[in-house]
Amino acid sequence: MRSPFLKSFLYAFEGIFASARGRNFKVQSAFALLAIALGLGFGIDAASWLAIFVCIGCVLGGECFNTALESVVDLVSPGYHDLAKRAKDCAAGAVLVMSFASVAVAAIIFVPKLFELLA
């Protein structure tokens, strides 16, 4: 029998995999892989790696929260309701804000590297 502690990790991974089946998580994962590839290609420093991985974690973690909230809202409000729509829109908006911030971080890190490459 598995320990409750180990079970909690298994349940958490089930949640990640449930989120990963969504289109947005797949798109965000592709951008995360692109950022990692660019970081490897440009040989970015440790602080830049830290920023990249914090951004990846925030966006993908936010998408997991968004998926969870959407599931709960759909469970308790299967029909249309303005408050259900607002909750789902706000959760999606939070992920969008994190994504925009991540794009800004990526631009700060990679645009100067691209200019160096082109110069």
N, C-alpha and C. Protein backbone atom coordinates (compact mmCIF):
# COMPACT_ATOMS: atom_id res chain seq x y z
N MET A 1 0.85 -1.20 0.00
CA MET A 1 0.00 0.00 0.00
C MET A 1 0.88 1.25 0.00
N ARG A 2 0.51 2.21 -0.79
CA ARG A 2 1.28 3.44 -0.87
C ARG A 2 0.98 4.35 0.32
N SER A 3 1.99 5.09 0.71
CA SER A 3 1.82 6.03 1.82
C SER A 3 0.95 7.21 1.37
N PRO A 4 0.25 7.85 2.31
CA PRO A 4 -0.55 9.04 1.95
C PRO A 4 0.31 10.13 1.31
N PHE A 5 1.56 10.25 1.77
CA PHE A 5 2.46 11.25 1.20
C PHE A 5 2.72 10.97 -0.27
N LEU A 6 3.03 9.71 -0.59
CA LEU A 6 3.27 9.33 -1.98
C LEU A 6 2.01 9.50 -2.82
N LYS A 7 0.86 9.13 -2.24
CA LYS A 7 -0.40 9.29 -2.96
C LYS A 7 -0.65 10.75 -3.32
N SER A 8 -0.28 11.66 -2.42
CA SER A 8 -0.51 13.08 -2.71
C SER A 8 0.28 13.52 -3.94
N PHE A 9 1.49 12.98 -4.12
CA PHE A 9 2.26 13.30 -5.32
C PHE A 9 1.61 12.71 -6.56
N LEU A 10 1.11 11.49 -6.44
CA LEU A 10 0.44 10.86 -7.58
C LEU A 10 -0.80 11.65 -8.00
N TYR A 11 -1.57 12.11 -7.02
CA TYR A 11 -2.74 12.92 -7.34
C TYR A 11 -2.34 14.25 -7.99
N ALA A 12 -1.27 14.83 -7.50
CA ALA A 12 -0.79 16.09 -8.09
C ALA A 12 -0.38 15.87 -9.54
N PHE A 13 0.32 14.76 -9.81
CA PHE A 13 0.71 14.48 -11.20
C PHE A 13 -0.52 14.21 -12.06
N GLU A 14 -1.55 13.57 -11.50
CA GLU A 14 -2.79 13.38 -12.26
C GLU A 14 -3.38 14.74 -12.65
N GLY A 15 -3.31 15.70 -11.74
CA GLY A 15 -3.80 17.04 -12.04
C GLY A 15 -3.00 17.72 -13.13
N ILE A 16 -1.69 17.57 -13.07
CA ILE A 16 -0.84 18.16 -14.12
C ILE A 16 -1.17 17.53 -15.47
N PHE A 17 -1.29 16.20 -15.48
CA PHE A 17 -1.59 15.51 -16.74
C PHE A 17 -2.97 15.89 -17.26
N ALA A 18 -3.94 16.10 -16.36
CA ALA A 18 -5.27 16.54 -16.79
C ALA A 18 -5.18 17.92 -17.44
N SER A 19 -4.42 18.82 -16.83
CA SER A 19 -4.23 20.15 -17.41
C SER A 19 -3.49 20.08 -18.73
N ALA A 20 -2.51 19.18 -18.80
CA ALA A 20 -1.66 19.07 -20.00
C ALA A 20 -2.44 18.60 -21.22
N ARG A 21 -3.60 18.02 -21.02
CA ARG A 21 -4.41 17.60 -22.17
C ARG A 21 -5.08 18.80 -22.86
N GLY A 22 -5.10 19.93 -22.20
CA GLY A 22 -5.74 21.11 -22.77
C GLY A 22 -4.87 21.80 -23.81
N ARG A 23 -5.53 22.43 -24.76
CA ARG A 23 -4.83 23.11 -25.86
C ARG A 23 -3.89 24.20 -25.35
N ASN A 24 -4.37 25.02 -24.42
CA ASN A 24 -3.55 26.13 -23.94
C ASN A 24 -2.29 25.64 -23.24
N PHE A 25 -2.39 24.60 -22.45
CA PHE A 25 -1.22 24.05 -21.77
C PHE A 25 -0.21 23.56 -22.80
N LYS A 26 -0.68 22.95 -23.87
CA LYS A 26 0.22 22.46 -24.92
C LYS A 26 0.94 23.62 -25.62
N VAL A 27 0.19 24.69 -25.92
CA VAL A 27 0.79 25.86 -26.56
C VAL A 27 1.82 26.49 -25.62
N GLN A 28 1.46 26.65 -24.35
CA GLN A 28 2.38 27.25 -23.38
C GLN A 28 3.62 26.37 -23.19
N SER A 29 3.44 25.06 -23.23
CA SER A 29 4.58 24.15 -23.11
C SER A 29 5.51 24.28 -24.31
N ALA A 30 4.94 24.49 -25.49
CA ALA A 30 5.76 24.68 -26.68
C ALA A 30 6.59 25.95 -26.56
N PHE A 31 6.00 27.02 -26.05
CA PHE A 31 6.76 28.25 -25.84
C PHE A 31 7.83 28.07 -24.75
N ALA A 32 7.51 27.27 -23.74
CA ALA A 32 8.50 26.98 -22.70
C ALA A 32 9.70 26.25 -23.30
N LEU A 33 9.43 25.27 -24.15
CA LEU A 33 10.52 24.55 -24.81
C LEU A 33 11.33 25.46 -25.73
N LEU A 34 10.64 26.39 -26.40
CA LEU A 34 11.34 27.36 -27.24
C LEU A 34 12.26 28.23 -26.40
N ALA A 35 11.77 28.69 -25.24
CA ALA A 35 12.60 29.52 -24.36
C ALA A 35 13.81 28.74 -23.86
N ILE A 36 13.61 27.48 -23.53
CA ILE A 36 14.73 26.64 -23.08
C ILE A 36 15.73 26.44 -24.21
N ALA A 37 15.23 26.19 -25.41
CA ALA A 37 16.13 26.02 -26.56
C ALA A 37 16.91 27.29 -26.84
N LEU A 38 16.24 28.43 -26.78
CA LEU A 38 16.94 29.70 -26.99
C LEU A 38 17.98 29.94 -25.89
N GLY A 39 17.61 29.62 -24.66
CA GLY A 39 18.56 29.77 -23.56
C GLY A 39 19.79 28.92 -23.74
N LEU A 40 19.59 27.68 -24.19
CA LEU A 40 20.73 26.80 -24.46
C LEU A 40 21.55 27.33 -25.64
N GLY A 41 20.85 27.77 -26.68
CA GLY A 41 21.54 28.27 -27.87
C GLY A 41 22.35 29.53 -27.60
N PHE A 42 21.84 30.41 -26.77
CA PHE A 42 22.53 31.66 -26.48
C PHE A 42 23.44 31.56 -25.26
N GLY A 43 23.39 30.47 -24.55
CA GLY A 43 24.24 30.32 -23.37
C GLY A 43 23.95 31.37 -22.31
N ILE A 44 22.68 31.54 -21.96
CA ILE A 44 22.30 32.59 -21.00
C ILE A 44 22.86 32.29 -19.61
N ASP A 45 22.96 33.33 -18.80
CA ASP A 45 23.54 33.20 -17.46
C ASP A 45 22.52 32.63 -16.46
N ALA A 46 22.99 32.35 -15.25
CA ALA A 46 22.17 31.71 -14.23
C ALA A 46 20.95 32.55 -13.86
N ALA A 47 21.11 33.87 -13.75
CA ALA A 47 19.98 34.73 -13.40
C ALA A 47 18.90 34.67 -14.48
N SER A 48 19.32 34.62 -15.73
CA SER A 48 18.35 34.53 -16.82
C SER A 48 17.64 33.19 -16.80
N TRP A 49 18.38 32.12 -16.52
CA TRP A 49 17.74 30.80 -16.39
C TRP A 49 16.71 30.80 -15.27
N LEU A 50 17.07 31.43 -14.17
CA LEU A 50 16.13 31.52 -13.04
C LEU A 50 14.85 32.23 -13.48
N ALA A 51 14.99 33.34 -14.16
CA ALA A 51 13.82 34.09 -14.63
C ALA A 51 12.97 33.25 -15.59
N ILE A 52 13.64 32.55 -16.50
CA ILE A 52 12.92 31.72 -17.47
C ILE A 52 12.14 30.62 -16.76
N PHE A 53 12.78 29.92 -15.82
CA PHE A 53 12.09 28.81 -15.15
C PHE A 53 11.00 29.29 -14.20
N VAL A 54 11.18 30.44 -13.58
CA VAL A 54 10.10 31.01 -12.75
C VAL A 54 8.90 31.35 -13.64
N CYS A 55 9.17 31.94 -14.79
CA CYS A 55 8.07 32.27 -15.71
C CYS A 55 7.36 31.01 -16.20
N ILE A 56 8.12 30.00 -16.58
CA ILE A 56 7.52 28.75 -17.04
C ILE A 56 6.66 28.15 -15.93
N GLY A 57 7.19 28.11 -14.72
CA GLY A 57 6.43 27.56 -13.60
C GLY A 57 5.16 28.35 -13.31
N CYS A 58 5.26 29.66 -13.38
CA CYS A 58 4.08 30.50 -13.12
C CYS A 58 3.00 30.31 -14.18
N VAL A 59 3.39 30.29 -15.43
CA VAL A 59 2.40 30.16 -16.51
C VAL A 59 1.76 28.77 -16.48
N LEU A 60 2.57 27.72 -16.40
CA LEU A 60 2.00 26.37 -16.40
C LEU A 60 1.24 26.09 -15.10
N GLY A 61 1.75 26.57 -13.98
CA GLY A 61 1.02 26.44 -12.73
C GLY A 61 -0.29 27.21 -12.77
N GLY A 62 -0.26 28.40 -13.35
CA GLY A 62 -1.49 29.18 -13.51
C GLY A 62 -2.50 28.46 -14.38
N GLU A 63 -2.02 27.80 -15.40
CA GLU A 63 -2.93 27.04 -16.27
C GLU A 63 -3.55 25.86 -15.51
N CYS A 64 -2.78 25.25 -14.62
CA CYS A 64 -3.35 24.18 -13.78
C CYS A 64 -4.45 24.74 -12.88
N PHE A 65 -4.21 25.90 -12.26
CA PHE A 65 -5.25 26.54 -11.45
C PHE A 65 -6.47 26.88 -12.31
N ASN A 66 -6.23 27.39 -13.50
CA ASN A 66 -7.32 27.74 -14.41
C ASN A 66 -8.15 26.51 -14.74
N THR A 67 -7.50 25.41 -15.05
CA THR A 67 -8.21 24.17 -15.37
C THR A 67 -9.02 23.70 -14.17
N ALA A 68 -8.43 23.77 -12.98
CA ALA A 68 -9.14 23.35 -11.77
C ALA A 68 -10.36 24.22 -11.54
N LEU A 69 -10.20 25.53 -11.66
CA LEU A 69 -11.33 26.43 -11.44
C LEU A 69 -12.43 26.19 -12.46
N GLU A 70 -12.06 26.02 -13.71
CA GLU A 70 -13.06 25.76 -14.74
C GLU A 70 -13.82 24.47 -14.46
N SER A 71 -13.13 23.45 -13.98
CA SER A 71 -13.78 22.18 -13.65
C SER A 71 -14.78 22.35 -12.51
N VAL A 72 -14.38 23.07 -11.48
CA VAL A 72 -15.27 23.29 -10.33
C VAL A 72 -16.47 24.13 -10.75
N VAL A 73 -16.24 25.18 -11.52
CA VAL A 73 -17.35 26.02 -11.97
C VAL A 73 -18.32 25.21 -12.83
N ASP A 74 -17.80 24.38 -13.72
CA ASP A 74 -18.68 23.55 -14.55
C ASP A 74 -19.47 22.56 -13.70
N LEU A 75 -18.88 22.08 -12.63
CA LEU A 75 -19.56 21.14 -11.75
C LEU A 75 -20.71 21.80 -11.01
N VAL A 76 -20.46 22.97 -10.43
CA VAL A 76 -21.47 23.62 -9.60
C VAL A 76 -22.44 24.48 -10.40
N SER A 77 -22.07 24.83 -11.62
CA SER A 77 -22.94 25.67 -12.44
C SER A 77 -22.94 25.14 -13.87
N PRO A 78 -23.62 24.00 -14.10
CA PRO A 78 -23.57 23.41 -15.45
C PRO A 78 -24.24 24.28 -16.52
N GLY A 79 -25.20 25.09 -16.11
CA GLY A 79 -25.84 26.01 -17.05
C GLY A 79 -25.09 27.34 -17.06
N TYR A 80 -25.50 28.21 -17.97
CA TYR A 80 -24.85 29.51 -18.06
C TYR A 80 -25.24 30.37 -16.87
N HIS A 81 -24.26 31.03 -16.31
CA HIS A 81 -24.50 32.03 -15.26
C HIS A 81 -23.43 33.10 -15.40
N ASP A 82 -23.83 34.36 -15.25
CA ASP A 82 -22.87 35.47 -15.40
C ASP A 82 -21.70 35.35 -14.43
N LEU A 83 -21.96 34.93 -13.19
CA LEU A 83 -20.87 34.80 -12.22
C LEU A 83 -19.92 33.65 -12.57
N ALA A 84 -20.47 32.58 -13.11
CA ALA A 84 -19.62 31.46 -13.55
C ALA A 84 -18.72 31.93 -14.69
N LYS A 85 -19.30 32.68 -15.62
CA LYS A 85 -18.51 33.22 -16.73
C LYS A 85 -17.42 34.14 -16.21
N ARG A 86 -17.76 35.01 -15.25
CA ARG A 86 -16.78 35.93 -14.71
C ARG A 86 -15.63 35.18 -14.04
N ALA A 87 -15.95 34.16 -13.27
CA ALA A 87 -14.90 33.38 -12.59
C ALA A 87 -13.96 32.74 -13.60
N LYS A 88 -14.54 32.14 -14.63
CA LYS A 88 -13.71 31.48 -15.64
C LYS A 88 -12.89 32.49 -16.44
N ASP A 89 -13.50 33.63 -16.77
CA ASP A 89 -12.78 34.68 -17.51
C ASP A 89 -11.64 35.26 -16.68
N CYS A 90 -11.88 35.46 -15.39
CA CYS A 90 -10.83 36.00 -14.52
C CYS A 90 -9.66 35.03 -14.40
N ALA A 91 -9.94 33.74 -14.27
CA ALA A 91 -8.87 32.75 -14.18
C ALA A 91 -8.07 32.71 -15.48
N ALA A 92 -8.76 32.75 -16.61
CA ALA A 92 -8.06 32.77 -17.90
C ALA A 92 -7.27 34.06 -18.04
N GLY A 93 -7.83 35.16 -17.57
CA GLY A 93 -7.13 36.44 -17.62
C GLY A 93 -5.86 36.42 -16.78
N ALA A 94 -5.90 35.75 -15.65
CA ALA A 94 -4.71 35.65 -14.80
C ALA A 94 -3.58 34.94 -15.54
N VAL A 95 -3.92 33.88 -16.26
CA VAL A 95 -2.90 33.16 -17.03
C VAL A 95 -2.38 34.05 -18.15
N LEU A 96 -3.26 34.83 -18.76
CA LEU A 96 -2.84 35.74 -19.83
C LEU A 96 -1.88 36.81 -19.29
N VAL A 97 -2.17 37.34 -18.11
CA VAL A 97 -1.27 38.33 -17.49
C VAL A 97 0.10 37.70 -17.25
N MET A 98 0.11 36.47 -16.72
CA MET A 98 1.40 35.78 -16.50
C MET A 98 2.12 35.54 -17.82
N SER A 99 1.38 35.23 -18.85
CA SER A 99 1.99 34.99 -20.16
C SER A 99 2.60 36.27 -20.72
N PHE A 100 1.88 37.39 -20.60
CA PHE A 100 2.43 38.67 -21.06
C PHE A 100 3.70 39.03 -20.29
N ALA A 101 3.69 38.82 -18.99
CA ALA A 101 4.89 39.09 -18.18
C ALA A 101 6.04 38.20 -18.62
N SER A 102 5.74 36.96 -18.95
CA SER A 102 6.78 36.03 -19.41
C SER A 102 7.35 36.44 -20.75
N VAL A 103 6.50 36.95 -21.62
CA VAL A 103 6.99 37.45 -22.92
C VAL A 103 7.91 38.64 -22.69
N ALA A 104 7.56 39.50 -21.74
CA ALA A 104 8.42 40.66 -21.44
C ALA A 104 9.77 40.19 -20.91
N VAL A 105 9.77 39.19 -20.03
CA VAL A 105 11.03 38.65 -19.51
C VAL A 105 11.85 38.05 -20.65
N ALA A 106 11.18 37.29 -21.51
CA ALA A 106 11.89 36.68 -22.65
C ALA A 106 12.48 37.76 -23.55
N ALA A 107 11.74 38.82 -23.78
CA ALA A 107 12.25 39.91 -24.63
C ALA A 107 13.48 40.55 -24.00
N ILE A 108 13.43 40.78 -22.70
CA ILE A 108 14.58 41.39 -22.01
C ILE A 108 15.81 40.50 -22.11
N ILE A 109 15.59 39.19 -22.04
CA ILE A 109 16.72 38.26 -22.08
C ILE A 109 17.21 38.03 -23.51
N PHE A 110 16.28 37.80 -24.45
CA PHE A 110 16.68 37.31 -25.76
C PHE A 110 16.85 38.39 -26.85
N VAL A 111 16.16 39.50 -26.77
CA VAL A 111 16.30 40.52 -27.81
C VAL A 111 17.74 41.04 -27.91
N PRO A 112 18.39 41.38 -26.78
CA PRO A 112 19.80 41.80 -26.91
C PRO A 112 20.69 40.71 -27.51
N LYS A 113 20.41 39.46 -27.18
CA LYS A 113 21.19 38.35 -27.74
C LYS A 113 20.98 38.25 -29.25
N LEU A 114 19.74 38.48 -29.69
CA LEU A 114 19.46 38.45 -31.12
C LEU A 114 20.15 39.58 -31.86
N PHE A 115 20.17 40.78 -31.22
CA PHE A 115 20.87 41.91 -31.84
C PHE A 115 22.37 41.64 -31.94
N GLU A 116 22.94 41.02 -30.91
CA GLU A 116 24.36 40.66 -30.94
C GLU A 116 24.64 39.69 -32.08
N LEU A 117 23.73 38.75 -32.26
CA LEU A 117 23.90 37.75 -33.30
C LEU A 117 23.82 38.38 -34.70
N LEU A 118 22.93 39.35 -34.85
CA LEU A 118 22.74 39.99 -36.15
C LEU A 118 23.79 41.06 -36.45
N ALA A 119 24.47 41.54 -35.41
CA ALA A 119 25.46 42.62 -35.60
C ALA A 119 26.76 42.11 -36.17
